[in-house]
Every structure is written in structure tokens, then in C-alpha cells.
N, C-alpha and C. Protein backbone atom coordinates (compact mmCIF):
# COMPACT_ATOMS: atom_id res chain seq x y z
N MET A 1 76.68 100.04 75.58
CA MET A 1 76.38 99.79 74.19
C MET A 1 77.43 100.42 73.28
N ARG A 2 77.94 101.60 73.66
CA ARG A 2 78.96 102.27 72.85
C ARG A 2 80.24 101.44 72.81
N MET A 3 80.56 100.80 73.94
CA MET A 3 81.77 99.99 73.98
C MET A 3 81.65 98.78 73.05
N LEU A 4 80.48 98.18 72.99
CA LEU A 4 80.24 97.05 72.10
C LEU A 4 80.41 97.48 70.64
N GLU A 5 79.90 98.66 70.30
CA GLU A 5 80.06 99.18 68.94
C GLU A 5 81.53 99.40 68.61
N ALA A 6 82.26 99.98 69.57
CA ALA A 6 83.68 100.25 69.34
C ALA A 6 84.46 98.95 69.17
N VAL A 7 84.17 97.95 69.99
CA VAL A 7 84.86 96.67 69.88
C VAL A 7 84.55 96.01 68.54
N ALA A 8 83.28 96.04 68.13
CA ALA A 8 82.90 95.45 66.85
C ALA A 8 83.56 96.18 65.69
N HIS A 9 83.66 97.50 65.79
CA HIS A 9 84.30 98.32 64.75
C HIS A 9 85.77 97.92 64.59
N TRP A 10 86.50 97.87 65.69
CA TRP A 10 87.92 97.54 65.63
C TRP A 10 88.14 96.08 65.26
N GLU A 11 87.23 95.22 65.67
CA GLU A 11 87.34 93.82 65.30
C GLU A 11 87.18 93.64 63.79
N ALA A 12 86.24 94.37 63.20
CA ALA A 12 86.06 94.30 61.74
C ALA A 12 87.29 94.84 61.02
N ILE A 13 87.86 95.95 61.52
CA ILE A 13 89.06 96.50 60.90
C ILE A 13 90.21 95.51 60.97
N LEU A 14 90.41 94.89 62.13
CA LEU A 14 91.48 93.91 62.28
C LEU A 14 91.26 92.68 61.40
N LEU A 15 90.02 92.25 61.26
CA LEU A 15 89.72 91.11 60.41
C LEU A 15 90.05 91.41 58.95
N ILE A 16 89.60 92.56 58.47
CA ILE A 16 89.87 92.92 57.07
C ILE A 16 91.36 93.14 56.85
N ALA A 17 92.04 93.80 57.79
CA ALA A 17 93.48 93.98 57.67
C ALA A 17 94.20 92.64 57.69
N GLY A 18 93.75 91.72 58.52
CA GLY A 18 94.35 90.39 58.56
C GLY A 18 94.18 89.66 57.24
N PHE A 19 92.98 89.76 56.65
CA PHE A 19 92.77 89.16 55.33
C PHE A 19 93.74 89.76 54.32
N GLY A 20 93.91 91.08 54.36
CA GLY A 20 94.82 91.74 53.43
C GLY A 20 96.26 91.28 53.60
N VAL A 21 96.68 91.13 54.84
CA VAL A 21 98.05 90.67 55.11
C VAL A 21 98.25 89.24 54.61
N VAL A 22 97.30 88.37 54.88
CA VAL A 22 97.42 86.98 54.44
C VAL A 22 97.43 86.89 52.92
N ILE A 23 96.52 87.60 52.27
CA ILE A 23 96.47 87.57 50.80
C ILE A 23 97.76 88.15 50.21
N GLY A 24 98.22 89.27 50.76
CA GLY A 24 99.47 89.86 50.27
C GLY A 24 100.65 88.92 50.46
N TRP A 25 100.74 88.29 51.62
CA TRP A 25 101.84 87.36 51.90
C TRP A 25 101.81 86.18 50.93
N ARG A 26 100.62 85.65 50.69
CA ARG A 26 100.53 84.50 49.76
C ARG A 26 100.85 84.92 48.34
N LEU A 27 100.46 86.13 47.95
CA LEU A 27 100.81 86.62 46.61
C LEU A 27 102.32 86.75 46.45
N ILE A 28 102.95 87.34 47.44
CA ILE A 28 104.39 87.55 47.36
C ILE A 28 105.14 86.22 47.35
N ARG A 29 104.68 85.27 48.14
CA ARG A 29 105.39 83.98 48.23
C ARG A 29 105.16 83.10 47.03
N SER A 30 103.99 83.19 46.38
CA SER A 30 103.68 82.23 45.32
C SER A 30 103.79 82.82 43.91
N ALA A 31 103.59 84.11 43.75
CA ALA A 31 103.59 84.70 42.42
C ALA A 31 105.00 85.02 41.97
N ALA A 32 105.20 84.97 40.69
CA ALA A 32 106.49 85.31 40.12
C ALA A 32 106.41 86.76 39.62
N PHE A 33 107.05 87.67 40.36
CA PHE A 33 107.04 89.07 39.99
C PHE A 33 108.31 89.46 39.23
N GLY A 34 109.10 88.47 38.85
CA GLY A 34 110.38 88.75 38.19
C GLY A 34 110.21 89.52 36.89
N GLY A 35 109.17 89.25 36.15
CA GLY A 35 108.98 89.90 34.86
C GLY A 35 108.07 91.11 34.91
N LEU A 36 107.70 91.54 36.11
CA LEU A 36 106.75 92.65 36.24
C LEU A 36 107.27 93.93 35.62
N LEU A 37 108.54 94.21 35.79
CA LEU A 37 109.12 95.46 35.29
C LEU A 37 110.01 95.24 34.08
N ARG A 38 109.84 94.14 33.39
CA ARG A 38 110.65 93.83 32.21
C ARG A 38 109.78 93.79 30.97
N ALA A 39 110.37 94.24 29.87
CA ALA A 39 109.69 94.19 28.58
C ALA A 39 109.72 92.75 28.06
N ASN A 40 109.08 92.52 26.92
CA ASN A 40 109.02 91.18 26.35
C ASN A 40 110.39 90.63 26.00
N ASP A 41 111.33 91.52 25.67
CA ASP A 41 112.68 91.06 25.31
C ASP A 41 113.57 90.89 26.53
N GLY A 42 113.06 91.10 27.74
CA GLY A 42 113.82 90.87 28.96
C GLY A 42 114.54 92.09 29.50
N THR A 43 114.47 93.22 28.79
CA THR A 43 115.13 94.44 29.26
C THR A 43 114.23 95.18 30.24
N PHE A 44 114.84 96.05 31.03
CA PHE A 44 114.12 96.87 32.00
C PHE A 44 113.18 97.82 31.26
N SER A 45 111.94 97.95 31.73
CA SER A 45 110.93 98.78 31.07
C SER A 45 110.55 99.98 31.94
N PRO A 46 111.07 101.19 31.61
CA PRO A 46 110.68 102.37 32.38
C PRO A 46 109.20 102.69 32.25
N GLY A 47 108.58 102.32 31.13
CA GLY A 47 107.15 102.54 30.96
C GLY A 47 106.33 101.76 31.96
N ARG A 48 106.75 100.55 32.24
CA ARG A 48 106.04 99.74 33.22
C ARG A 48 106.26 100.28 34.64
N VAL A 49 107.44 100.81 34.89
CA VAL A 49 107.72 101.38 36.22
C VAL A 49 106.81 102.58 36.46
N GLN A 50 106.74 103.51 35.50
CA GLN A 50 105.89 104.69 35.70
C GLN A 50 104.44 104.31 35.78
N LEU A 51 104.00 103.28 35.06
CA LEU A 51 102.62 102.82 35.14
C LEU A 51 102.34 102.24 36.53
N LEU A 52 103.27 101.45 37.06
CA LEU A 52 103.11 100.88 38.39
C LEU A 52 103.09 101.96 39.47
N VAL A 53 104.00 102.92 39.36
CA VAL A 53 104.06 103.99 40.36
C VAL A 53 102.79 104.84 40.34
N ALA A 54 102.31 105.19 39.15
CA ALA A 54 101.09 105.99 39.04
C ALA A 54 99.88 105.23 39.60
N THR A 55 99.78 103.95 39.29
CA THR A 55 98.65 103.15 39.77
C THR A 55 98.69 103.00 41.28
N LEU A 56 99.86 102.69 41.83
CA LEU A 56 99.97 102.54 43.28
C LEU A 56 99.74 103.87 44.00
N GLY A 57 100.23 104.97 43.42
CA GLY A 57 100.00 106.28 44.02
C GLY A 57 98.52 106.64 44.05
N ALA A 58 97.83 106.37 42.94
CA ALA A 58 96.39 106.65 42.89
C ALA A 58 95.63 105.78 43.89
N ALA A 59 96.00 104.51 43.98
CA ALA A 59 95.34 103.61 44.93
C ALA A 59 95.59 104.06 46.37
N LEU A 60 96.80 104.49 46.66
CA LEU A 60 97.13 104.96 48.01
C LEU A 60 96.35 106.23 48.36
N GLU A 61 96.27 107.16 47.42
CA GLU A 61 95.52 108.39 47.68
C GLU A 61 94.04 108.09 47.94
N TYR A 62 93.47 107.17 47.16
CA TYR A 62 92.07 106.80 47.36
C TYR A 62 91.88 106.09 48.70
N LEU A 63 92.81 105.20 49.05
CA LEU A 63 92.74 104.51 50.33
C LEU A 63 92.81 105.48 51.49
N LEU A 64 93.67 106.48 51.39
CA LEU A 64 93.76 107.49 52.45
C LEU A 64 92.46 108.29 52.56
N GLY A 65 91.80 108.53 51.42
CA GLY A 65 90.51 109.19 51.45
C GLY A 65 89.45 108.36 52.14
N VAL A 66 89.49 107.05 51.92
CA VAL A 66 88.55 106.15 52.59
C VAL A 66 88.83 106.10 54.09
N LEU A 67 90.11 106.06 54.46
CA LEU A 67 90.46 106.02 55.88
C LEU A 67 90.10 107.33 56.59
N HIS A 68 90.13 108.44 55.85
CA HIS A 68 89.77 109.73 56.43
C HIS A 68 88.29 109.77 56.80
N ASP A 69 87.43 109.22 55.94
CA ASP A 69 85.99 109.18 56.21
C ASP A 69 85.47 107.79 55.82
N PRO A 70 85.55 106.82 56.73
CA PRO A 70 85.18 105.45 56.38
C PRO A 70 83.68 105.22 56.17
N MET A 71 82.87 106.20 56.48
CA MET A 71 81.43 106.03 56.30
C MET A 71 80.99 106.27 54.86
N HIS A 72 81.82 106.95 54.08
CA HIS A 72 81.46 107.27 52.70
C HIS A 72 82.66 107.00 51.80
N LEU A 73 82.39 106.49 50.61
CA LEU A 73 83.45 106.37 49.62
C LEU A 73 83.71 107.74 49.02
N PRO A 74 84.97 108.15 48.94
CA PRO A 74 85.24 109.48 48.40
C PRO A 74 85.08 109.52 46.88
N ALA A 75 84.77 110.70 46.39
CA ALA A 75 84.73 110.89 44.94
C ALA A 75 86.17 110.81 44.43
N ILE A 76 86.32 110.26 43.25
CA ILE A 76 87.66 110.15 42.68
C ILE A 76 88.05 111.51 42.13
N PRO A 77 89.12 112.11 42.65
CA PRO A 77 89.54 113.42 42.17
C PRO A 77 89.95 113.36 40.70
N SER A 78 89.66 114.44 39.98
CA SER A 78 89.99 114.46 38.55
C SER A 78 91.50 114.37 38.34
N GLY A 79 92.30 114.82 39.31
CA GLY A 79 93.75 114.71 39.19
C GLY A 79 94.21 113.27 39.13
N ILE A 80 93.57 112.40 39.92
CA ILE A 80 93.92 110.97 39.88
C ILE A 80 93.56 110.38 38.53
N VAL A 81 92.37 110.72 38.04
CA VAL A 81 91.93 110.19 36.75
C VAL A 81 92.89 110.64 35.65
N MET A 82 93.29 111.91 35.69
CA MET A 82 94.22 112.41 34.67
C MET A 82 95.60 111.77 34.80
N ALA A 83 96.07 111.56 36.02
CA ALA A 83 97.40 110.96 36.22
C ALA A 83 97.43 109.52 35.73
N VAL A 84 96.42 108.74 36.10
CA VAL A 84 96.39 107.34 35.67
C VAL A 84 96.14 107.26 34.17
N GLY A 85 95.24 108.09 33.65
CA GLY A 85 94.99 108.10 32.21
C GLY A 85 96.23 108.52 31.42
N GLY A 86 96.94 109.53 31.91
CA GLY A 86 98.18 109.95 31.24
C GLY A 86 99.24 108.87 31.31
N SER A 87 99.32 108.20 32.44
CA SER A 87 100.27 107.12 32.59
C SER A 87 99.96 105.98 31.62
N GLN A 88 98.69 105.64 31.50
CA GLN A 88 98.29 104.61 30.55
C GLN A 88 98.61 105.02 29.12
N ALA A 89 98.36 106.30 28.80
CA ALA A 89 98.63 106.79 27.44
C ALA A 89 100.13 106.73 27.13
N VAL A 90 100.95 107.13 28.09
CA VAL A 90 102.41 107.06 27.87
C VAL A 90 102.84 105.62 27.68
N TYR A 91 102.36 104.73 28.53
CA TYR A 91 102.73 103.32 28.43
C TYR A 91 102.32 102.74 27.08
N LEU A 92 101.07 102.99 26.67
CA LEU A 92 100.60 102.44 25.40
C LEU A 92 101.32 103.09 24.22
N GLY A 93 101.63 104.38 24.33
CA GLY A 93 102.39 105.04 23.27
C GLY A 93 103.77 104.45 23.11
N LEU A 94 104.46 104.22 24.22
CA LEU A 94 105.78 103.60 24.15
C LEU A 94 105.70 102.17 23.63
N LYS A 95 104.67 101.45 24.01
CA LYS A 95 104.49 100.08 23.54
C LYS A 95 104.25 100.09 22.02
N ALA A 96 103.40 100.99 21.55
CA ALA A 96 103.14 101.08 20.10
C ALA A 96 104.41 101.49 19.36
N TRP A 97 105.19 102.41 19.93
CA TRP A 97 106.43 102.85 19.29
C TRP A 97 107.41 101.69 19.17
N ASN A 98 107.50 100.88 20.22
CA ASN A 98 108.41 99.74 20.20
C ASN A 98 107.97 98.67 19.20
N ILE A 99 106.67 98.57 18.98
CA ILE A 99 106.17 97.56 18.04
C ILE A 99 106.19 98.07 16.61
N PHE A 100 105.70 99.29 16.37
CA PHE A 100 105.51 99.80 15.04
C PHE A 100 106.50 100.89 14.63
N GLY A 101 107.35 101.33 15.53
CA GLY A 101 108.26 102.44 15.25
C GLY A 101 109.30 102.12 14.20
N PRO A 102 110.07 103.14 13.77
CA PRO A 102 111.11 102.90 12.78
C PRO A 102 112.17 101.94 13.32
N GLY A 103 112.66 101.14 12.44
CA GLY A 103 113.70 100.18 12.83
C GLY A 103 113.14 98.85 13.30
N GLN A 104 111.83 98.71 13.32
CA GLN A 104 111.23 97.45 13.75
C GLN A 104 110.91 96.60 12.53
N LYS A 105 111.11 95.31 12.65
CA LYS A 105 110.80 94.38 11.55
C LYS A 105 109.29 94.23 11.46
N ARG A 106 108.81 94.21 10.25
CA ARG A 106 107.36 94.05 10.05
C ARG A 106 107.06 92.75 9.38
């Protein structure tokens, strides 16, 4: 009976991982990510880069927490909340500065 449980466990993991690989592959092949790190005027946007890095880092840390104990969802550490919130604040601040800052046409 234990072997059946182990096989079912690994089969479920492989199925979910396979779904993730297929979805990721289709996203990469069909989506246009060319403008992901560019501002509206076509220039490189460091604000978007730091937002992407902070979001991916937080997601990776949470995923590692889930993999460490798959029976329970981990509590979100306050450091992750502060990092993502700070990243969002910086991004929105830079966006507001670019729109409403000095030297901008109104």
C-alpha cells in the first residue's frame, strides 16, 4: 500500500510539472515579451526590471517553502511582503515622476 501511495504522489508531481512545462513553453512561443522591460516610449525601464526581479524572487522563495513542506502552505514572511510592496512603491513612484515630474508636458 505504501508503494501505491508513493507512485501516486510522484505521478501527481510529474503531471503538475508537465502542465507547468507545457504552459510555460506555449507562453514563451506565443507571447510577445519584447516590451516587457521597456517603457511606453520604447526605452529600457530599470523600474520594470527591479519589479520583475522582486516579484520572481518572492515567488521563488514561496515556492521553495511549499516544496520544503508540501502538506501545508507556508505563511508569507513579512520580508517578502515588504520587498514586493517596496518594489511596487518604487515602480509607481518612478512612473508618477515620469508622468507628472518637472519637464513633462501637461
